[in-house]
Amino acid sequence: MNITTTIDGTFARISLCGEIDFDTLPPLCATVDALPPQVTDLQWDLSRTSFMDVAGLRLLFTPTTSGPERRATVTGLRAQPLSLLLMAADLDPTVFDLCRLLPDVPPAGLRTAAP
């Protein structure tokens, strides 16, 4: 796994190349833990991540116990990680809130206005 971190003020982007599973979870958590305290917005770039198992759900939805609270979003989702997120949200939408993680997703139950 290759992990690249880019920091700009209070924003950080973590880009990774490789799979997210329980073997790769510790270095990813360590990367988050190493972010400076002023980082309040974290974006995960998963455009080069073709596979994610439940370890990815833990990474994306478990708040950090140390350091500041950060808003996390995801970009570049490929088919399998997106499918896993959608399945998790379908099973328990309160725990796996995609509106928080994917800011372009409308809230559940939101209906568009008729033309």
N, C-alpha and C. Protein backbone atom coordinates (compact mmCIF):
# COMPACT_ATOMS: atom_id res chain seq x y z
N MET A 1 0.85 -1.17 0.00
CA MET A 1 0.00 0.00 0.00
C MET A 1 0.89 1.23 0.00
N ASN A 2 0.49 2.19 -0.81
CA ASN A 2 1.18 3.47 -0.90
C ASN A 2 0.22 4.53 -0.38
N ILE A 3 0.67 5.31 0.62
CA ILE A 3 -0.17 6.33 1.24
C ILE A 3 0.51 7.68 1.07
N THR A 4 -0.24 8.65 0.54
CA THR A 4 0.26 10.01 0.37
C THR A 4 -0.65 10.97 1.11
N THR A 5 -0.05 11.84 1.92
CA THR A 5 -0.82 12.83 2.67
C THR A 5 -0.45 14.22 2.18
N THR A 6 -1.46 15.01 1.87
CA THR A 6 -1.28 16.41 1.47
C THR A 6 -2.05 17.27 2.46
N ILE A 7 -1.37 18.27 3.02
CA ILE A 7 -1.99 19.15 4.01
C ILE A 7 -1.94 20.58 3.51
N ASP A 8 -3.09 21.25 3.61
CA ASP A 8 -3.21 22.67 3.25
C ASP A 8 -4.04 23.35 4.33
N GLY A 9 -3.37 23.96 5.28
CA GLY A 9 -4.06 24.63 6.38
C GLY A 9 -4.82 23.64 7.23
N THR A 10 -6.15 23.77 7.27
CA THR A 10 -6.99 22.89 8.09
C THR A 10 -7.52 21.69 7.30
N PHE A 11 -7.08 21.56 6.04
CA PHE A 11 -7.55 20.49 5.15
C PHE A 11 -6.42 19.49 4.90
N ALA A 12 -6.75 18.21 4.94
CA ALA A 12 -5.79 17.16 4.59
C ALA A 12 -6.45 16.18 3.64
N ARG A 13 -5.69 15.71 2.67
CA ARG A 13 -6.15 14.65 1.76
C ARG A 13 -5.20 13.47 1.92
N ILE A 14 -5.79 12.32 2.18
CA ILE A 14 -5.01 11.09 2.23
C ILE A 14 -5.39 10.28 1.01
N SER A 15 -4.41 10.08 0.14
CA SER A 15 -4.60 9.30 -1.08
C SER A 15 -3.88 7.97 -0.89
N LEU A 16 -4.55 6.91 -1.28
CA LEU A 16 -3.90 5.62 -1.13
C LEU A 16 -4.05 4.79 -2.38
N CYS A 17 -3.06 3.96 -2.57
CA CYS A 17 -3.05 3.02 -3.70
C CYS A 17 -2.93 1.63 -3.10
N GLY A 18 -4.00 0.88 -3.20
CA GLY A 18 -4.01 -0.46 -2.63
C GLY A 18 -5.35 -0.74 -1.99
N GLU A 19 -5.46 -1.92 -1.43
CA GLU A 19 -6.70 -2.37 -0.81
C GLU A 19 -6.78 -1.91 0.63
N ILE A 20 -8.01 -1.74 1.12
CA ILE A 20 -8.22 -1.46 2.53
C ILE A 20 -8.78 -2.72 3.16
N ASP A 21 -7.99 -3.32 4.05
CA ASP A 21 -8.40 -4.51 4.79
C ASP A 21 -7.76 -4.45 6.17
N PHE A 22 -7.91 -5.50 6.95
CA PHE A 22 -7.38 -5.46 8.31
C PHE A 22 -5.86 -5.43 8.36
N ASP A 23 -5.18 -5.86 7.31
CA ASP A 23 -3.71 -5.75 7.26
C ASP A 23 -3.26 -4.31 7.01
N THR A 24 -4.03 -3.57 6.24
CA THR A 24 -3.64 -2.20 5.91
C THR A 24 -4.28 -1.17 6.83
N LEU A 25 -5.20 -1.58 7.69
CA LEU A 25 -5.86 -0.65 8.61
C LEU A 25 -4.89 0.04 9.58
N PRO A 26 -3.96 -0.68 10.22
CA PRO A 26 -3.05 0.00 11.17
C PRO A 26 -2.24 1.15 10.56
N PRO A 27 -1.62 0.98 9.37
CA PRO A 27 -0.89 2.13 8.83
C PRO A 27 -1.81 3.29 8.43
N LEU A 28 -3.03 2.99 8.02
CA LEU A 28 -3.97 4.06 7.68
C LEU A 28 -4.39 4.83 8.93
N CYS A 29 -4.66 4.11 10.01
CA CYS A 29 -5.00 4.77 11.28
C CYS A 29 -3.82 5.59 11.79
N ALA A 30 -2.62 5.07 11.63
CA ALA A 30 -1.42 5.81 12.06
C ALA A 30 -1.25 7.08 11.24
N THR A 31 -1.61 7.04 9.98
CA THR A 31 -1.54 8.23 9.13
C THR A 31 -2.49 9.30 9.63
N VAL A 32 -3.69 8.90 10.01
CA VAL A 32 -4.67 9.85 10.55
C VAL A 32 -4.17 10.40 11.88
N ASP A 33 -3.65 9.53 12.73
CA ASP A 33 -3.16 9.96 14.05
C ASP A 33 -1.99 10.93 13.93
N ALA A 34 -1.24 10.86 12.83
CA ALA A 34 -0.07 11.72 12.65
C ALA A 34 -0.44 13.11 12.10
N LEU A 35 -1.70 13.30 11.73
CA LEU A 35 -2.10 14.62 11.20
C LEU A 35 -1.96 15.68 12.29
N PRO A 36 -1.57 16.90 11.91
CA PRO A 36 -1.49 17.96 12.91
C PRO A 36 -2.86 18.30 13.48
N PRO A 37 -2.89 18.81 14.71
CA PRO A 37 -4.19 19.07 15.36
C PRO A 37 -5.04 20.12 14.66
N GLN A 38 -4.44 21.00 13.84
CA GLN A 38 -5.24 22.03 13.18
C GLN A 38 -6.06 21.48 12.02
N VAL A 39 -5.81 20.25 11.59
CA VAL A 39 -6.57 19.65 10.50
C VAL A 39 -7.96 19.28 11.00
N THR A 40 -8.97 19.92 10.44
CA THR A 40 -10.36 19.65 10.82
C THR A 40 -11.17 19.01 9.70
N ASP A 41 -10.65 19.06 8.48
CA ASP A 41 -11.32 18.44 7.33
C ASP A 41 -10.38 17.43 6.69
N LEU A 42 -10.83 16.17 6.66
CA LEU A 42 -10.02 15.09 6.10
C LEU A 42 -10.76 14.50 4.92
N GLN A 43 -10.08 14.42 3.80
CA GLN A 43 -10.66 13.81 2.60
C GLN A 43 -9.86 12.56 2.25
N TRP A 44 -10.57 11.47 2.11
CA TRP A 44 -9.96 10.21 1.66
C TRP A 44 -10.12 10.12 0.15
N ASP A 45 -9.03 10.03 -0.56
CA ASP A 45 -9.06 9.85 -2.01
C ASP A 45 -8.87 8.36 -2.29
N LEU A 46 -9.95 7.71 -2.70
CA LEU A 46 -9.93 6.27 -2.94
C LEU A 46 -9.94 5.93 -4.43
N SER A 47 -9.52 6.86 -5.26
CA SER A 47 -9.57 6.63 -6.70
C SER A 47 -8.64 5.50 -7.16
N ARG A 48 -7.65 5.14 -6.33
CA ARG A 48 -6.76 4.03 -6.68
C ARG A 48 -6.92 2.86 -5.71
N THR A 49 -8.13 2.77 -5.14
CA THR A 49 -8.46 1.68 -4.21
C THR A 49 -9.60 0.88 -4.81
N SER A 50 -9.30 -0.32 -5.27
CA SER A 50 -10.32 -1.12 -5.95
C SER A 50 -11.07 -2.05 -5.02
N PHE A 51 -10.54 -2.27 -3.80
CA PHE A 51 -11.19 -3.19 -2.86
C PHE A 51 -11.14 -2.63 -1.45
N MET A 52 -12.25 -2.80 -0.73
CA MET A 52 -12.33 -2.40 0.67
C MET A 52 -13.23 -3.40 1.38
N ASP A 53 -12.76 -3.94 2.51
CA ASP A 53 -13.64 -4.82 3.29
C ASP A 53 -14.15 -4.04 4.50
N VAL A 54 -14.68 -4.74 5.50
CA VAL A 54 -15.27 -4.06 6.64
C VAL A 54 -14.27 -3.21 7.40
N ALA A 55 -12.99 -3.45 7.23
CA ALA A 55 -11.98 -2.59 7.85
C ALA A 55 -12.11 -1.16 7.32
N GLY A 56 -12.50 -1.02 6.07
CA GLY A 56 -12.72 0.30 5.49
C GLY A 56 -13.89 1.01 6.15
N LEU A 57 -14.93 0.26 6.49
CA LEU A 57 -16.06 0.85 7.21
C LEU A 57 -15.61 1.36 8.57
N ARG A 58 -14.79 0.57 9.22
CA ARG A 58 -14.27 0.99 10.53
C ARG A 58 -13.43 2.26 10.38
N LEU A 59 -12.59 2.30 9.36
CA LEU A 59 -11.73 3.45 9.13
C LEU A 59 -12.55 4.71 8.87
N LEU A 60 -13.56 4.61 8.05
CA LEU A 60 -14.32 5.77 7.61
C LEU A 60 -15.39 6.22 8.60
N PHE A 61 -15.90 5.30 9.42
CA PHE A 61 -17.04 5.65 10.27
C PHE A 61 -16.76 5.65 11.78
N THR A 62 -15.59 5.23 12.19
CA THR A 62 -15.27 5.24 13.62
C THR A 62 -14.53 6.53 13.95
N PRO A 63 -15.10 7.34 14.84
CA PRO A 63 -14.40 8.58 15.19
C PRO A 63 -13.10 8.26 15.92
N THR A 64 -12.12 9.14 15.73
CA THR A 64 -10.85 8.94 16.40
C THR A 64 -11.02 9.23 17.89
N THR A 65 -10.33 8.47 18.70
CA THR A 65 -10.41 8.67 20.15
C THR A 65 -9.34 9.62 20.64
N SER A 66 -8.33 9.84 19.81
CA SER A 66 -7.29 10.78 20.20
C SER A 66 -7.25 11.91 19.19
N GLY A 67 -6.91 13.07 19.65
CA GLY A 67 -6.81 14.21 18.74
C GLY A 67 -8.14 14.88 18.51
N PRO A 68 -8.14 15.86 17.62
CA PRO A 68 -9.36 16.64 17.38
C PRO A 68 -10.40 15.85 16.58
N GLU A 69 -11.65 16.29 16.70
CA GLU A 69 -12.71 15.71 15.88
C GLU A 69 -12.57 16.28 14.47
N ARG A 70 -12.65 15.42 13.49
CA ARG A 70 -12.47 15.85 12.11
C ARG A 70 -13.67 15.43 11.27
N ARG A 71 -14.00 16.28 10.32
CA ARG A 71 -15.03 15.94 9.33
C ARG A 71 -14.32 15.16 8.23
N ALA A 72 -14.79 13.95 7.97
CA ALA A 72 -14.18 13.11 6.94
C ALA A 72 -15.12 12.96 5.76
N THR A 73 -14.57 13.08 4.57
CA THR A 73 -15.32 12.84 3.33
C THR A 73 -14.51 11.91 2.46
N VAL A 74 -15.16 11.37 1.43
CA VAL A 74 -14.52 10.42 0.52
C VAL A 74 -14.72 10.90 -0.90
N THR A 75 -13.69 10.74 -1.71
CA THR A 75 -13.78 11.05 -3.14
C THR A 75 -13.16 9.90 -3.92
N GLY A 76 -13.54 9.79 -5.18
CA GLY A 76 -12.94 8.80 -6.06
C GLY A 76 -13.35 7.37 -5.81
N LEU A 77 -14.55 7.17 -5.30
CA LEU A 77 -14.99 5.80 -5.01
C LEU A 77 -15.12 4.97 -6.27
N ARG A 78 -14.55 3.79 -6.24
CA ARG A 78 -14.69 2.84 -7.34
C ARG A 78 -15.83 1.88 -7.00
N ALA A 79 -16.15 1.00 -7.92
CA ALA A 79 -17.37 0.19 -7.83
C ALA A 79 -17.47 -0.64 -6.54
N GLN A 80 -16.46 -1.40 -6.20
CA GLN A 80 -16.58 -2.29 -5.04
C GLN A 80 -16.65 -1.52 -3.72
N PRO A 81 -15.76 -0.54 -3.47
CA PRO A 81 -15.92 0.22 -2.22
C PRO A 81 -17.26 0.94 -2.12
N LEU A 82 -17.74 1.50 -3.23
CA LEU A 82 -19.04 2.16 -3.24
C LEU A 82 -20.15 1.16 -2.93
N SER A 83 -20.08 0.00 -3.52
CA SER A 83 -21.09 -1.04 -3.27
C SER A 83 -21.12 -1.42 -1.79
N LEU A 84 -19.96 -1.56 -1.17
CA LEU A 84 -19.89 -1.89 0.25
C LEU A 84 -20.51 -0.77 1.10
N LEU A 85 -20.21 0.48 0.78
CA LEU A 85 -20.78 1.61 1.52
C LEU A 85 -22.31 1.64 1.38
N LEU A 86 -22.80 1.42 0.18
CA LEU A 86 -24.25 1.43 -0.05
C LEU A 86 -24.94 0.29 0.69
N MET A 87 -24.31 -0.88 0.71
CA MET A 87 -24.87 -2.03 1.42
C MET A 87 -24.91 -1.75 2.93
N ALA A 88 -23.83 -1.19 3.46
CA ALA A 88 -23.78 -0.88 4.89
C ALA A 88 -24.84 0.17 5.25
N ALA A 89 -24.97 1.19 4.41
CA ALA A 89 -25.96 2.24 4.67
C ALA A 89 -27.38 1.69 4.59
N ASP A 90 -27.60 0.73 3.71
CA ASP A 90 -28.92 0.11 3.59
C ASP A 90 -29.24 -0.71 4.84
N LEU A 91 -28.23 -1.38 5.41
CA LEU A 91 -28.44 -2.20 6.60
C LEU A 91 -28.64 -1.35 7.86
N ASP A 92 -27.90 -0.25 8.00
CA ASP A 92 -28.02 0.59 9.18
C ASP A 92 -27.66 2.03 8.83
N PRO A 93 -28.63 2.79 8.31
CA PRO A 93 -28.34 4.15 7.85
C PRO A 93 -27.95 5.12 8.96
N THR A 94 -28.30 4.82 10.20
CA THR A 94 -27.89 5.73 11.28
C THR A 94 -26.42 5.58 11.62
N VAL A 95 -25.89 4.38 11.52
CA VAL A 95 -24.46 4.15 11.79
C VAL A 95 -23.62 4.53 10.57
N PHE A 96 -24.09 4.14 9.40
CA PHE A 96 -23.34 4.38 8.17
C PHE A 96 -24.02 5.51 7.39
N ASP A 97 -23.86 6.72 7.90
CA ASP A 97 -24.49 7.91 7.34
C ASP A 97 -23.70 8.42 6.14
N LEU A 98 -24.16 8.08 4.95
CA LEU A 98 -23.45 8.48 3.74
C LEU A 98 -23.56 9.98 3.47
N CYS A 99 -24.56 10.64 4.02
CA CYS A 99 -24.69 12.09 3.84
C CYS A 99 -23.50 12.81 4.46
N ARG A 100 -22.97 12.26 5.53
CA ARG A 100 -21.80 12.85 6.18
C ARG A 100 -20.53 12.56 5.38
N LEU A 101 -20.42 11.33 4.94
CA LEU A 101 -19.20 10.89 4.26
C LEU A 101 -19.13 11.34 2.81
N LEU A 102 -20.28 11.34 2.15
CA LEU A 102 -20.37 11.72 0.74
C LEU A 102 -21.23 12.98 0.67
N PRO A 103 -20.65 14.14 0.75
CA PRO A 103 -21.44 15.37 0.89
C PRO A 103 -22.40 15.64 -0.26
N ASP A 104 -22.25 14.98 -1.39
CA ASP A 104 -23.14 15.20 -2.51
C ASP A 104 -24.35 14.27 -2.51
N VAL A 105 -24.48 13.43 -1.49
CA VAL A 105 -25.61 12.50 -1.40
C VAL A 105 -26.75 13.19 -0.66
N PRO A 106 -27.95 13.27 -1.26
CA PRO A 106 -29.08 13.91 -0.57
C PRO A 106 -29.52 13.07 0.63
N PRO A 107 -30.05 13.69 1.66
CA PRO A 107 -30.55 12.95 2.82
C PRO A 107 -31.64 11.95 2.43
N ALA A 108 -31.72 10.84 3.18
CA ALA A 108 -32.73 9.83 2.91
C ALA A 108 -34.13 10.45 3.03
N GLY A 109 -35.01 10.07 2.14
CA GLY A 109 -36.38 10.57 2.18
C GLY A 109 -36.58 11.91 1.51
N LEU A 110 -35.51 12.52 1.03
CA LEU A 110 -35.63 13.80 0.36
C LEU A 110 -36.18 13.57 -1.03
N ARG A 111 -37.24 14.28 -1.34
CA ARG A 111 -37.87 14.15 -2.67
C ARG A 111 -37.59 15.42 -3.45
N THR A 112 -37.32 15.24 -4.72
CA THR A 112 -37.10 16.40 -5.57
C THR A 112 -38.45 17.02 -5.93
N ALA A 113 -38.45 18.29 -6.18
CA ALA A 113 -39.68 18.99 -6.55
C ALA A 113 -40.14 18.56 -7.92
N ALA A 114 -41.43 18.45 -8.08
CA ALA A 114 -42.00 18.10 -9.39
C ALA A 114 -41.79 19.26 -10.37
N PRO A 115 -41.50 18.94 -11.64
CA PRO A 115 -41.27 20.02 -12.62
C PRO A 115 -42.53 20.80 -12.93
